[in-house]
PDB file of N, CA and C in Angstrom:
ATOM      1  N   MET A   1      83.065 102.698 105.584  1.00  0.00           N
ATOM      2  CA  MET A   1      81.756 102.723 106.201  1.00  0.00           C
ATOM      3  C   MET A   1      80.988 103.919 105.649  1.00  0.00           C
ATOM      4  N   GLN A   2      79.789 103.679 105.153  1.00  0.00           N
ATOM      5  CA  GLN A   2      78.950 104.759 104.665  1.00  0.00           C
ATOM      6  C   GLN A   2      77.873 105.062 105.689  1.00  0.00           C
ATOM      7  N   LEU A   3      77.737 106.329 105.986  1.00  0.00           N
ATOM      8  CA  LEU A   3      76.709 106.770 106.909  1.00  0.00           C
ATOM      9  C   LEU A   3      75.476 107.142 106.111  1.00  0.00           C
ATOM     10  N   LYS A   4      74.333 106.755 106.571  1.00  0.00           N
ATOM     11  CA  LYS A   4      73.095 107.075 105.869  1.00  0.00           C
ATOM     12  C   LYS A   4      72.359 108.175 106.603  1.00  0.00           C
ATOM     13  N   SER A   5      71.779 109.068 105.831  1.00  0.00           N
ATOM     14  CA  SER A   5      70.970 110.111 106.440  1.00  0.00           C
ATOM     15  C   SER A   5      69.624 109.509 106.816  1.00  0.00           C
ATOM     16  N   GLN A   6      68.786 110.300 107.427  1.00  0.00           N
ATOM     17  CA  GLN A   6      67.486 109.807 107.831  1.00  0.00           C
ATOM     18  C   GLN A   6      66.639 109.413 106.626  1.00  0.00           C
ATOM     19  N   ARG A   7      66.914 109.972 105.466  1.00  0.00           N
ATOM     20  CA  ARG A   7      66.176 109.611 104.259  1.00  0.00           C
ATOM     21  C   ARG A   7      66.747 108.369 103.587  1.00  0.00           C
ATOM     22  N   GLY A   8      67.853 107.872 104.081  1.00  0.00           N
ATOM     23  CA  GLY A   8      68.443 106.674 103.507  1.00  0.00           C
ATOM     24  C   GLY A   8      69.521 106.966 102.475  1.00  0.00           C
ATOM     25  N   GLY A   9      69.862 108.233 102.249  1.00  0.00           N
ATOM     26  CA  GLY A   9      70.899 108.592 101.280  1.00  0.00           C
ATOM     27  C   GLY A   9      72.277 108.582 101.920  1.00  0.00           C
ATOM     28  N   VAL A  10      73.263 108.788 101.129  1.00  0.00           N
ATOM     29  CA  VAL A  10      74.637 108.837 101.600  1.00  0.00           C
ATOM     30  C   VAL A  10      74.935 110.257 102.071  1.00  0.00           C
ATOM     31  N   THR A  11      75.612 110.374 103.195  1.00  0.00           N
ATOM     32  CA  THR A  11      75.902 111.696 103.761  1.00  0.00           C
ATOM     33  C   THR A  11      77.178 112.283 103.181  1.00  0.00           C
ATOM     34  N   GLY A  12      77.420 113.535 103.483  1.00  0.00           N
ATOM     35  CA  GLY A  12      78.624 114.219 103.045  1.00  0.00           C
ATOM     36  C   GLY A  12      79.885 113.582 103.584  1.00  0.00           C
ATOM     37  N   ALA A  13      79.820 112.964 104.758  1.00  0.00           N
ATOM     38  CA  ALA A  13      81.006 112.332 105.343  1.00  0.00           C
ATOM     39  C   ALA A  13      81.517 111.202 104.459  1.00  0.00           C
ATOM     40  N   SER A  14      80.624 110.400 103.912  1.00  0.00           N
ATOM     41  CA  SER A  14      81.075 109.307 103.062  1.00  0.00           C
ATOM     42  C   SER A  14      81.541 109.826 101.712  1.00  0.00           C
ATOM     43  N   LEU A  15      80.946 110.904 101.221  1.00  0.00           N
ATOM     44  CA  LEU A  15      81.394 111.497  99.966  1.00  0.00           C
ATOM     45  C   LEU A  15      82.776 112.111 100.113  1.00  0.00           C
ATOM     46  N   ALA A  16      83.057 112.693 101.263  1.00  0.00           N
ATOM     47  CA  ALA A  16      84.374 113.269 101.511  1.00  0.00           C
ATOM     48  C   ALA A  16      85.438 112.177 101.486  1.00  0.00           C
ATOM     49  N   GLY A  17      85.128 111.029 102.020  1.00  0.00           N
ATOM     50  CA  GLY A  17      86.056 109.910 101.990  1.00  0.00           C
ATOM     51  C   GLY A  17      86.330 109.453 100.574  1.00  0.00           C
ATOM     52  N   ALA A  18      85.323 109.466  99.721  1.00  0.00           N
ATOM     53  CA  ALA A  18      85.494 109.072  98.330  1.00  0.00           C
ATOM     54  C   ALA A  18      86.361 110.077  97.584  1.00  0.00           C
ATOM     55  N   ALA A  19      86.278 111.329  97.961  1.00  0.00           N
ATOM     56  CA  ALA A  19      87.079 112.352  97.297  1.00  0.00           C
ATOM     57  C   ALA A  19      88.568 112.138  97.550  1.00  0.00           C
ATOM     58  N   HIS A  20      88.916 111.518  98.664  1.00  0.00           N
ATOM     59  CA  HIS A  20      90.309 111.269  98.983  1.00  0.00           C
ATOM     60  C   HIS A  20      90.778 109.912  98.489  1.00  0.00           C
ATOM     61  N   ALA A  21      89.959 109.202  97.756  1.00  0.00           N
ATOM     62  CA  ALA A  21      90.334 107.878  97.274  1.00  0.00           C
ATOM     63  C   ALA A  21      91.518 107.948  96.318  1.00  0.00           C
ATOM     64  N   THR A  22      91.636 109.026  95.556  1.00  0.00           N
ATOM     65  CA  THR A  22      92.773 109.191  94.662  1.00  0.00           C
ATOM     66  C   THR A  22      93.914 109.789  95.462  1.00  0.00           C
ATOM     67  N   ASP A  23      94.889 108.985  95.752  1.00  0.00           N
ATOM     68  CA  ASP A  23      96.047 109.483  96.484  1.00  0.00           C
ATOM     69  C   ASP A  23      97.271 109.365  95.596  1.00  0.00           C
ATOM     70  N   GLU A  24      98.439 109.563  96.151  1.00  0.00           N
ATOM     71  CA  GLU A  24      99.648 109.558  95.341  1.00  0.00           C
ATOM     72  C   GLU A  24      99.901 108.220  94.656  1.00  0.00           C
ATOM     73  N   SER A  25      99.348 107.124  95.142  1.00  0.00           N
ATOM     74  CA  SER A  25      99.567 105.832  94.496  1.00  0.00           C
ATOM     75  C   SER A  25      98.861 105.746  93.150  1.00  0.00           C
ATOM     76  N   ASP A  26      97.920 106.646  92.879  1.00  0.00           N
ATOM     77  CA  ASP A  26      97.211 106.684  91.601  1.00  0.00           C
ATOM     78  C   ASP A  26      97.824 107.697  90.644  1.00  0.00           C
ATOM     79  N   ARG A  27      98.913 108.335  91.053  1.00  0.00           N
ATOM     80  CA  ARG A  27      99.485 109.427  90.270  1.00  0.00           C
ATOM     81  C   ARG A  27     100.850 109.061  89.694  1.00  0.00           C
ATOM     82  N   TRP A  28     101.099 109.562  88.516  1.00  0.00           N
ATOM     83  CA  TRP A  28     102.415 109.402  87.898  1.00  0.00           C
ATOM     84  C   TRP A  28     103.451 110.057  88.806  1.00  0.00           C
ATOM     85  N   PHE A  29     104.513 109.356  89.097  1.00  0.00           N
ATOM     86  CA  PHE A  29     105.638 109.857  89.913  1.00  0.00           C
ATOM     87  C   PHE A  29     105.196 110.382  91.271  1.00  0.00           C
ATOM     88  N   LYS A  30     104.070 109.950  91.767  1.00  0.00           N
ATOM     89  CA  LYS A  30     103.471 110.325  93.054  1.00  0.00           C
ATOM     90  C   LYS A  30     102.916 111.742  93.093  1.00  0.00           C
ATOM     91  N   ASN A  31     103.305 112.611  92.152  1.00  0.00           N
ATOM     92  CA  ASN A  31     102.789 113.977  92.200  1.00  0.00           C
ATOM     93  C   ASN A  31     102.334 114.489  90.835  1.00  0.00           C
ATOM     94  N   GLY A  32     102.303 113.617  89.847  1.00  0.00           N
ATOM     95  CA  GLY A  32     101.839 114.001  88.517  1.00  0.00           C
ATOM     96  C   GLY A  32     100.340 113.798  88.376  1.00  0.00           C
ATOM     97  N   LEU A  33      99.907 113.677  87.141  1.00  0.00           N
ATOM     98  CA  LEU A  33      98.489 113.438  86.887  1.00  0.00           C
ATOM     99  C   LEU A  33      98.065 112.076  87.415  1.00  0.00           C
ATOM    100  N   ALA A  34      96.795 111.961  87.746  1.00  0.00           N
ATOM    101  CA  ALA A  34      96.245 110.647  88.082  1.00  0.00           C
ATOM    102  C   ALA A  34      96.271 109.797  86.810  1.00  0.00           C
ATOM    103  N   TRP A  35      96.366 108.488  86.953  1.00  0.00           N
ATOM    104  CA  TRP A  35      96.496 107.624  85.776  1.00  0.00           C
ATOM    105  C   TRP A  35      95.364 107.850  84.778  1.00  0.00           C
ATOM    106  N   TYR A  36      94.154 108.116  85.256  1.00  0.00           N
ATOM    107  CA  TYR A  36      93.007 108.269  84.358  1.00  0.00           C
ATOM    108  C   TYR A  36      92.966 109.649  83.692  1.00  0.00           C
ATOM    109  N   GLU A  37      93.809 110.589  84.125  1.00  0.00           N
ATOM    110  CA  GLU A  37      93.874 111.907  83.499  1.00  0.00           C
ATOM    111  C   GLU A  37      94.897 111.954  82.365  1.00  0.00           C
ATOM    112  N   HIS A  38      95.856 111.052  82.391  1.00  0.00           N
ATOM    113  CA  HIS A  38      96.895 111.029  81.361  1.00  0.00           C
ATOM    114  C   HIS A  38      96.362 110.315  80.126  1.00  0.00           C
ATOM    115  N   PRO A  39      96.659 110.821  78.920  1.00  0.00           N
ATOM    116  CA  PRO A  39      96.076 110.237  77.709  1.00  0.00           C
ATOM    117  C   PRO A  39      96.497 108.799  77.426  1.00  0.00           C
ATOM    118  N   CYS A  40      97.582 108.327  78.016  1.00  0.00           N
ATOM    119  CA  CYS A  40      98.032 106.965  77.735  1.00  0.00           C
ATOM    120  C   CYS A  40      97.349 105.910  78.606  1.00  0.00           C
ATOM    121  N   GLY A  41      96.626 106.330  79.625  1.00  0.00           N
ATOM    122  CA  GLY A  41      95.785 105.419  80.395  1.00  0.00           C
ATOM    123  C   GLY A  41      96.487 104.499  81.373  1.00  0.00           C
ATOM    124  N   MET A  42      95.724 103.502  81.805  1.00  0.00           N
ATOM    125  CA  MET A  42      96.140 102.609  82.886  1.00  0.00           C
ATOM    126  C   MET A  42      97.295 101.694  82.500  1.00  0.00           C
ATOM    127  N   ASN A  43      97.310 101.173  81.280  1.00  0.00           N
ATOM    128  CA  ASN A  43      98.380 100.241  80.907  1.00  0.00           C
ATOM    129  C   ASN A  43      99.744 100.912  80.974  1.00  0.00           C
ATOM    130  N   ALA A  44      99.849 102.124  80.446  1.00  0.00           N
ATOM    131  CA  ALA A  44     101.121 102.854  80.511  1.00  0.00           C
ATOM    132  C   ALA A  44     101.472 103.172  81.957  1.00  0.00           C
ATOM    133  N   PHE A  45     100.485 103.586  82.736  1.00  0.00           N
ATOM    134  CA  PHE A  45     100.743 103.907  84.145  1.00  0.00           C
ATOM    135  C   PHE A  45     101.214 102.681  84.919  1.00  0.00           C
ATOM    136  N   ALA A  46     100.573 101.546  84.691  1.00  0.00           N
ATOM    137  CA  ALA A  46     100.936 100.334  85.421  1.00  0.00           C
ATOM    138  C   ALA A  46     102.386  99.935  85.160  1.00  0.00           C
ATOM    139  N   LYS A  47     102.838 100.163  83.947  1.00  0.00           N
ATOM    140  CA  LYS A  47     104.190  99.755  83.577  1.00  0.00           C
ATOM    141  C   LYS A  47     105.245 100.827  83.881  1.00  0.00           C
ATOM    142  N   TYR A  48     104.885 102.104  83.728  1.00  0.00           N
ATOM    143  CA  TYR A  48     105.870 103.170  83.805  1.00  0.00           C
ATOM    144  C   TYR A  48     105.592 104.244  84.861  1.00  0.00           C
ATOM    145  N   GLY A  49     104.421 104.251  85.460  1.00  0.00           N
ATOM    146  CA  GLY A  49     104.006 105.346  86.323  1.00  0.00           C
ATOM    147  C   GLY A  49     104.845 105.585  87.558  1.00  0.00           C
ATOM    148  N   LYS A  50     105.545 104.591  88.017  1.00  0.00           N
ATOM    149  CA  LYS A  50     106.381 104.747  89.212  1.00  0.00           C
ATOM    150  C   LYS A  50     107.872 104.831  88.882  1.00  0.00           C
ATOM    151  N   LEU A  51     108.209 104.723  87.590  1.00  0.00           N
ATOM    152  CA  LEU A  51     109.606 104.813  87.168  1.00  0.00           C
ATOM    153  C   LEU A  51     109.945 106.271  86.904  1.00  0.00           C
ATOM    154  N   ASP A  52     110.578 106.903  87.842  1.00  0.00           N
ATOM    155  CA  ASP A  52     110.888 108.317  87.725  1.00  0.00           C
ATOM    156  C   ASP A  52     112.286 108.488  87.130  1.00  0.00           C
ATOM    157  N   THR A  53     112.376 108.218  85.834  1.00  0.00           N
ATOM    158  CA  THR A  53     113.641 108.393  85.116  1.00  0.00           C
ATOM    159  C   THR A  53     113.487 109.545  84.133  1.00  0.00           C
ATOM    160  N   PRO A  54     114.587 110.130  83.697  1.00  0.00           N
ATOM    161  CA  PRO A  54     114.477 111.216  82.717  1.00  0.00           C
ATOM    162  C   PRO A  54     113.745 110.799  81.439  1.00  0.00           C
ATOM    163  N   GLU A  55     113.993 109.587  80.954  1.00  0.00           N
ATOM    164  CA  GLU A  55     113.332 109.116  79.729  1.00  0.00           C
ATOM    165  C   GLU A  55     111.820 108.982  79.921  1.00  0.00           C
ATOM    166  N   VAL A  56     111.404 108.400  81.038  1.00  0.00           N
ATOM    167  CA  VAL A  56     109.976 108.232  81.290  1.00  0.00           C
ATOM    168  C   VAL A  56     109.309 109.590  81.489  1.00  0.00           C
ATOM    169  N   ARG A  57     109.949 110.489  82.198  1.00  0.00           N
ATOM    170  CA  ARG A  57     109.380 111.838  82.369  1.00  0.00           C
ATOM    171  C   ARG A  57     109.253 112.551  81.024  1.00  0.00           C
ATOM    172  N   HIS A  58     110.265 112.429  80.191  1.00  0.00           N
ATOM    173  CA  HIS A  58     110.211 113.033  78.863  1.00  0.00           C
ATOM    174  C   HIS A  58     109.017 112.471  78.074  1.00  0.00           C
ATOM    175  N   ASN A  59     108.866 111.164  78.093  1.00  0.00           N
ATOM    176  CA  ASN A  59     107.757 110.535  77.380  1.00  0.00           C
ATOM    177  C   ASN A  59     106.402 110.928  77.964  1.00  0.00           C
ATOM    178  N   TYR A  60     106.340 111.066  79.270  1.00  0.00           N
ATOM    179  CA  TYR A  60     105.121 111.494  79.959  1.00  0.00           C
ATOM    180  C   TYR A  60     104.668 112.852  79.424  1.00  0.00           C
ATOM    181  N   TYR A  61     105.597 113.813  79.387  1.00  0.00           N
ATOM    182  CA  TYR A  61     105.250 115.158  78.924  1.00  0.00           C
ATOM    183  C   TYR A  61     105.009 115.197  77.421  1.00  0.00           C
ATOM    184  N   THR A  62     105.758 114.419  76.655  1.00  0.00           N
ATOM    185  CA  THR A  62     105.528 114.352  75.214  1.00  0.00           C
ATOM    186  C   THR A  62     104.136 113.818  74.913  1.00  0.00           C
ATOM    187  N   ALA A  63     103.711 112.812  75.650  1.00  0.00           N
ATOM    188  CA  ALA A  63     102.386 112.220  75.437  1.00  0.00           C
ATOM    189  C   ALA A  63     101.268 113.210  75.748  1.00  0.00           C
ATOM    190  N   LEU A  64     101.498 114.117  76.672  1.00  0.00           N
ATOM    191  CA  LEU A  64     100.479 115.128  76.962  1.00  0.00           C
ATOM    192  C   LEU A  64     100.255 116.021  75.742  1.00  0.00           C
ATOM    193  N   GLN A  65     101.316 116.313  75.006  1.00  0.00           N
ATOM    194  CA  GLN A  65     101.217 117.152  73.814  1.00  0.00           C
ATOM    195  C   GLN A  65     100.814 116.357  72.572  1.00  0.00           C
ATOM    196  N   HIS A  66     101.177 115.061  72.542  1.00  0.00           N
ATOM    197  CA  HIS A  66     100.947 114.211  71.371  1.00  0.00           C
ATOM    198  C   HIS A  66     100.385 112.857  71.804  1.00  0.00           C
ATOM    199  N   PRO A  67      99.136 112.801  72.240  1.00  0.00           N
ATOM    200  CA  PRO A  67      98.564 111.550  72.748  1.00  0.00           C
ATOM    201  C   PRO A  67      98.554 110.410  71.719  1.00  0.00           C
ATOM    202  N   GLU A  68      98.588 110.761  70.450  1.00  0.00           N
ATOM    203  CA  GLU A  68      98.609 109.721  69.415  1.00  0.00           C
ATOM    204  C   GLU A  68      99.909 108.904  69.440  1.00  0.00           C
ATOM    205  N   GLU A  69     100.914 109.392  70.157  1.00  0.00           N
ATOM    206  CA  GLU A  69     102.208 108.708  70.264  1.00  0.00           C
ATOM    207  C   GLU A  69     102.287 107.756  71.463  1.00  0.00           C
ATOM    208  N   CYS A  70     101.223 107.593  72.212  1.00  0.00           N
ATOM    209  CA  CYS A  70     101.274 106.769  73.438  1.00  0.00           C
ATOM    210  C   CYS A  70     101.830 105.387  73.202  1.00  0.00           C
ATOM    211  N   SER A  71     101.395 104.711  72.153  1.00  0.00           N
ATOM    212  CA  SER A  71     101.851 103.335  71.945  1.00  0.00           C
ATOM    213  C   SER A  71     103.339 103.267  71.629  1.00  0.00           C
ATOM    214  N   LYS A  72     103.880 104.322  71.050  1.00  0.00           N
ATOM    215  CA  LYS A  72     105.324 104.367  70.759  1.00  0.00           C
ATOM    216  C   LYS A  72     106.121 104.789  71.998  1.00  0.00           C
ATOM    217  N   LEU A  73     105.595 105.732  72.755  1.00  0.00           N
ATOM    218  CA  LEU A  73     106.302 106.242  73.924  1.00  0.00           C
ATOM    219  C   LEU A  73     106.269 105.268  75.096  1.00  0.00           C
ATOM    220  N   PHE A  74     105.158 104.533  75.228  1.00  0.00           N
ATOM    221  CA  PHE A  74     104.992 103.585  76.335  1.00  0.00           C
ATOM    222  C   PHE A  74     104.574 102.220  75.781  1.00  0.00           C
ATOM    223  N   PRO A  75     105.543 101.509  75.161  1.00  0.00           N
ATOM    224  CA  PRO A  75     105.204 100.205  74.534  1.00  0.00           C
ATOM    225  C   PRO A  75     104.841  99.133  75.550  1.00  0.00           C
TER     226      PRO A  75
END
Protein backbone atom coordinates (compact mmCIF):
# COMPACT_ATOMS: atom_id res chain seq x y z
CA MET A 1 0.00 0.00 0.00
CA GLN A 2 1.41 3.38 -0.98
CA LEU A 3 0.45 6.41 1.02
CA LYS A 4 0.11 9.66 -0.87
CA SER A 5 0.99 13.03 0.53
CA GLN A 6 -1.34 15.96 0.13
CA ARG A 7 0.49 16.86 -3.09
CA GLY A 8 -0.16 13.41 -4.51
CA GLY A 9 3.44 12.13 -4.18
CA VAL A 10 4.67 9.02 -2.46
CA THR A 11 5.52 9.42 1.22
CA GLY A 12 8.59 8.28 3.11
CA ALA A 13 6.62 5.37 4.58
CA SER A 14 6.20 3.72 1.19
CA LEU A 15 9.82 4.40 0.27
CA ALA A 16 10.97 2.75 3.49
CA GLY A 17 9.02 -0.35 2.53
CA ALA A 18 10.74 -0.42 -0.85
CA ALA A 19 14.13 -0.21 0.82
CA HIS A 20 13.39 -3.49 2.61
CA ALA A 21 12.32 -5.25 -0.58
CA THR A 22 15.78 -6.83 -0.89
CA ASP A 23 15.87 -9.45 1.80
CA GLU A 24 17.92 -12.59 2.29
CA SER A 25 16.02 -14.39 -0.49
CA ASP A 26 17.71 -12.04 -2.99
CA ARG A 27 21.19 -12.71 -1.59
CA TRP A 28 23.77 -15.36 -2.31
CA PHE A 29 23.82 -17.86 0.60
CA LYS A 30 21.27 -15.62 2.41
CA ASN A 31 24.01 -13.26 3.62
CA GLY A 32 26.17 -12.57 0.57
CA LEU A 33 25.75 -10.00 -2.16
CA ALA A 34 22.35 -9.38 -3.67
CA TRP A 35 22.00 -11.19 -7.01
CA TYR A 36 22.19 -7.89 -8.94
CA GLU A 37 25.45 -6.88 -7.19
CA HIS A 38 27.34 -10.02 -8.19
CA PRO A 39 29.00 -9.85 -11.63
CA CYS A 40 27.51 -13.16 -12.78
CA GLY A 41 23.93 -11.87 -12.50
CA MET A 42 20.54 -13.47 -12.14
CA ASN A 43 21.08 -16.66 -14.15
CA ALA A 44 24.00 -17.77 -11.96
CA PHE A 45 22.12 -16.77 -8.81
CA ALA A 46 18.98 -18.66 -9.84
CA LYS A 47 20.96 -21.84 -10.37
CA TYR A 48 23.62 -21.60 -7.65
CA GLY A 49 22.72 -18.81 -5.21
CA LYS A 50 21.19 -21.06 -2.57
CA LEU A 51 23.72 -23.90 -2.89
CA ASP A 52 26.08 -23.26 -0.02
CA THR A 53 28.83 -25.72 -0.91
CA PRO A 54 32.58 -25.15 -0.78
CA GLU A 55 32.82 -25.31 -4.59
CA VAL A 56 30.04 -22.77 -5.15
CA ARG A 57 31.47 -20.43 -2.51
CA HIS A 58 34.90 -20.70 -4.12
CA ASN A 59 33.42 -19.86 -7.52
CA TYR A 60 31.41 -16.99 -6.01
CA TYR A 61 34.55 -15.33 -4.64
CA THR A 62 36.62 -16.12 -7.74
CA ALA A 63 33.99 -14.44 -9.92
CA LEU A 64 34.22 -11.28 -7.81
CA GLN A 65 37.92 -11.05 -8.72
CA HIS A 66 37.54 -12.36 -12.30
CA PRO A 67 34.05 -11.56 -13.65
CA GLU A 68 35.11 -12.63 -17.15
CA GLU A 69 35.11 -16.22 -15.81
CA CYS A 70 31.38 -16.24 -14.90
CA SER A 71 30.33 -18.50 -17.76
CA LYS A 72 33.00 -21.05 -16.80
CA LEU A 73 32.43 -20.85 -13.04
CA PHE A 74 28.62 -20.93 -13.25
CA PRO A 75 27.69 -22.86 -16.43
